[in-house]
C-alpha atoms as a PDB file:
ATOM      1  CA  MET A   1     -32.574-109.130 194.291  1.00  0.00           C
ATOM      2  CA  ASP A   2     -32.725-105.750 192.549  1.00  0.00           C
ATOM      3  CA  THR A   3     -32.255-106.533 188.882  1.00  0.00           C
ATOM      4  CA  THR A   4     -31.459-102.987 187.703  1.00  0.00           C
ATOM      5  CA  THR A   5     -28.884-101.763 190.233  1.00  0.00           C
ATOM      6  CA  GLY A   6     -25.709-100.513 188.608  1.00  0.00           C
ATOM      7  CA  ILE A   7     -26.990-100.414 185.035  1.00  0.00           C
ATOM      8  CA  LYS A   8     -25.337 -97.633 183.046  1.00  0.00           C
ATOM      9  CA  PRO A   9     -25.307 -96.439 179.413  1.00  0.00           C
ATOM     10  CA  GLY A  10     -23.602 -98.883 177.078  1.00  0.00           C
ATOM     11  CA  ASP A  11     -24.361-101.923 179.254  1.00  0.00           C
ATOM     12  CA  LYS A  12     -25.919-104.989 177.690  1.00  0.00           C
ATOM     13  CA  VAL A  13     -29.072-106.163 179.474  1.00  0.00           C
ATOM     14  CA  ALA A  14     -31.322-109.175 179.125  1.00  0.00           C
ATOM     15  CA  ILE A  15     -34.970-108.512 178.337  1.00  0.00           C
ATOM     16  CA  SER A  16     -37.216-111.375 179.370  1.00  0.00           C
ATOM     17  CA  GLY A  17     -40.380-111.409 177.319  1.00  0.00           C
ATOM     18  CA  GLN A  18     -43.310-113.764 177.251  1.00  0.00           C
ATOM     19  CA  PHE A  19     -41.577-116.420 175.158  1.00  0.00           C
ATOM     20  CA  ASP A  20     -37.924-115.497 174.841  1.00  0.00           C
ATOM     21  CA  ILE A  21     -35.006-113.452 176.118  1.00  0.00           C
ATOM     22  CA  ASN A  22     -33.288-110.759 174.063  1.00  0.00           C
ATOM     23  CA  ILE A  23     -30.048-108.910 174.713  1.00  0.00           C
ATOM     24  CA  LYS A  24     -30.269-105.121 174.246  1.00  0.00           C
ATOM     25  CA  GLU A  25     -28.013-102.126 174.882  1.00  0.00           C
ATOM     26  CA  VAL A  26     -28.757 -99.318 177.348  1.00  0.00           C
ATOM     27  CA  LEU A  27     -28.877 -95.859 175.765  1.00  0.00           C
ATOM     28  CA  ARG A  28     -29.278 -93.838 178.967  1.00  0.00           C
ATOM     29  CA  VAL A  29     -30.397 -94.002 182.584  1.00  0.00           C
ATOM     30  CA  THR A  30     -32.323 -91.050 184.032  1.00  0.00           C
ATOM     31  CA  PRO A  31     -31.683 -89.656 187.528  1.00  0.00           C
ATOM     32  CA  THR A  32     -34.972 -91.267 188.640  1.00  0.00           C
ATOM     33  CA  GLY A  33     -33.767 -94.669 187.454  1.00  0.00           C
ATOM     34  CA  ARG A  34     -35.694 -95.034 184.191  1.00  0.00           C
ATOM     35  CA  ILE A  35     -33.742 -97.049 181.651  1.00  0.00           C
ATOM     36  CA  LYS A  36     -33.927 -96.177 177.952  1.00  0.00           C
ATOM     37  CA  LEU A  37     -32.717 -98.803 175.479  1.00  0.00           C
ATOM     38  CA  THR A  38     -31.297 -98.225 172.008  1.00  0.00           C
ATOM     39  CA  ASN A  39     -34.436 -99.818 170.505  1.00  0.00           C
ATOM     40  CA  GLY A  40     -36.587 -97.076 172.117  1.00  0.00           C
ATOM     41  CA  ASP A  41     -38.134 -99.101 174.936  1.00  0.00           C
ATOM     42  CA  THR A  42     -38.181 -97.540 178.407  1.00  0.00           C
ATOM     43  CA  TYR A  43     -38.155 -99.456 181.687  1.00  0.00           C
ATOM     44  CA  ASP A  44     -38.855 -98.161 185.180  1.00  0.00           C
ATOM     45  CA  LYS A  45     -36.373 -98.449 188.059  1.00  0.00           C
ATOM     46  CA  ASN A  46     -37.893-101.845 188.975  1.00  0.00           C
ATOM     47  CA  GLY A  47     -37.161-103.245 185.527  1.00  0.00           C
ATOM     48  CA  ARG A  48     -40.729-103.183 184.189  1.00  0.00           C
ATOM     49  CA  LEU A  49     -41.520-102.034 180.657  1.00  0.00           C
ATOM     50  CA  THR A  50     -43.353 -98.712 180.715  1.00  0.00           C
ATOM     51  CA  GLY A  51     -46.200 -97.670 178.471  1.00  0.00           C
ATOM     52  CA  ASP A  52     -49.253 -99.478 177.186  1.00  0.00           C
ATOM     53  CA  HIS A  53     -48.087-102.902 176.024  1.00  0.00           C
ATOM     54  CA  TYR A  54     -50.108-106.088 175.831  1.00  0.00           C
ATOM     55  CA  TYR A  55     -47.145-108.305 176.654  1.00  0.00           C
ATOM     56  CA  ARG A  56     -45.029-107.257 179.596  1.00  0.00           C
ATOM     57  CA  SER A  57     -41.296-107.719 179.642  1.00  0.00           C
ATOM     58  CA  HIS A  58     -38.720-107.203 182.346  1.00  0.00           C
ATOM     59  CA  ILE A  59     -35.137-106.049 182.248  1.00  0.00           C
ATOM     60  CA  VAL A  60     -32.380-107.767 184.191  1.00  0.00           C
ATOM     61  CA  THR A  61     -28.638-107.251 184.387  1.00  0.00           C
ATOM     62  CA  MET A  62     -26.432-109.624 182.463  1.00  0.00           C
ATOM     63  CA  GLU A  63     -25.096-110.959 185.786  1.00  0.00           C
ATOM     64  CA  CYS A  64     -28.608-111.977 186.882  1.00  0.00           C
ATOM     65  CA  TYR A  65     -29.284-113.435 183.448  1.00  0.00           C
ATOM     66  CA  GLU A  66     -26.052-115.439 183.457  1.00  0.00           C
ATOM     67  CA  GLU A  67     -26.735-116.743 186.985  1.00  0.00           C
ATOM     68  CA  GLU A  68     -30.199-117.872 185.910  1.00  0.00           C
ATOM     69  CA  GLN A  69     -28.832-119.515 182.756  1.00  0.00           C
ATOM     70  CA  LYS A  70     -26.206-121.346 184.828  1.00  0.00           C
ATOM     71  CA  ARG A  71     -28.880-122.559 187.256  1.00  0.00           C
ATOM     72  CA  LYS A  72     -31.062-123.774 184.375  1.00  0.00           C
ATOM     73  CA  GLU A  73     -28.099-125.570 182.774  1.00  0.00           C
ATOM     74  CA  GLU A  74     -27.234-127.326 186.054  1.00  0.00           C
ATOM     75  CA  LYS A  75     -30.864-128.398 186.422  1.00  0.00           C
ATOM     76  CA  ARG A  76     -30.904-129.676 182.824  1.00  0.00           C
ATOM     77  CA  GLU A  77     -27.676-131.642 183.406  1.00  0.00           C
ATOM     78  CA  LYS A  78     -29.103-133.222 186.566  1.00  0.00           C
ATOM     79  CA  GLN A  79     -32.270-134.176 184.707  1.00  0.00           C
ATOM     80  CA  GLU A  80     -30.194-135.712 181.926  1.00  0.00           C
ATOM     81  CA  VAL A  81     -28.266-137.844 184.442  1.00  0.00           C
ATOM     82  CA  PHE A  82     -31.517-138.883 186.099  1.00  0.00           C
ATOM     83  CA  ASN A  83     -32.984-139.859 182.721  1.00  0.00           C
ATOM     84  CA  GLN A  84     -29.910-141.957 181.920  1.00  0.00           C
ATOM     85  CA  ILE A  85     -30.166-143.715 185.289  1.00  0.00           C
ATOM     86  CA  CYS A  86     -33.840-144.451 184.712  1.00  0.00           C
ATOM     87  CA  LEU A  87     -33.097-145.889 181.280  1.00  0.00           C
ATOM     88  CA  ASN A  88     -30.349-148.115 182.662  1.00  0.00           C
ATOM     89  CA  ILE A  89     -32.265-150.009 185.330  1.00  0.00           C
ATOM     90  CA  ASN A  90     -29.840-152.939 185.267  1.00  0.00           C
ATOM     91  CA  LEU A  91     -27.499-151.355 187.789  1.00  0.00           C
ATOM     92  CA  SER A  92     -25.880-153.377 190.520  1.00  0.00           C
ATOM     93  CA  LYS A  93     -26.511-152.636 194.177  1.00  0.00           C
ATOM     94  CA  ASP A  94     -22.982-151.243 194.456  1.00  0.00           C
ATOM     95  CA  GLN A  95     -23.578-148.877 191.531  1.00  0.00           C
ATOM     96  CA  LEU A  96     -26.848-147.667 193.032  1.00  0.00           C
ATOM     97  CA  GLU A  97     -25.159-147.066 196.404  1.00  0.00           C
ATOM     98  CA  ARG A  98     -22.414-145.018 194.718  1.00  0.00           C
ATOM     99  CA  ILE A  99     -25.027-142.939 192.892  1.00  0.00           C
ATOM    100  CA  LEU A 100     -26.884-142.347 196.137  1.00  0.00           C
ATOM    101  CA  LYS A 101     -23.649-141.300 197.865  1.00  0.00           C
ATOM    102  CA  ILE A 102     -22.867-138.814 195.103  1.00  0.00           C
ATOM    103  CA  CYS A 103     -26.406-137.403 195.244  1.00  0.00           C
ATOM    104  CA  LYS A 104     -26.073-136.751 198.963  1.00  0.00           C
ATOM    105  CA  GLU A 105     -22.894-134.675 198.494  1.00  0.00           C
END
């Protein structure tokens, strides 16, 4: 999925760094697709930070960022349910069968 398609000046974008994600504003987009942010950073049309930087970061649209956050939240919720099931091992056979049925949906 192209993460920079449709980005225009004034848009908010997510910058994924080595350890965190920051939200920045787009200052301008050149005809060749380079993206200049209000903090001075420039990204190429593929979303990669340009210049000589030790840590690389990538730019993604807010839609891509929100989709990824939603996917991570769903995964976290599933893990939480799994952890609760593992902690409560005194389930009846009927309860286990209902859980299995729900998992197969």
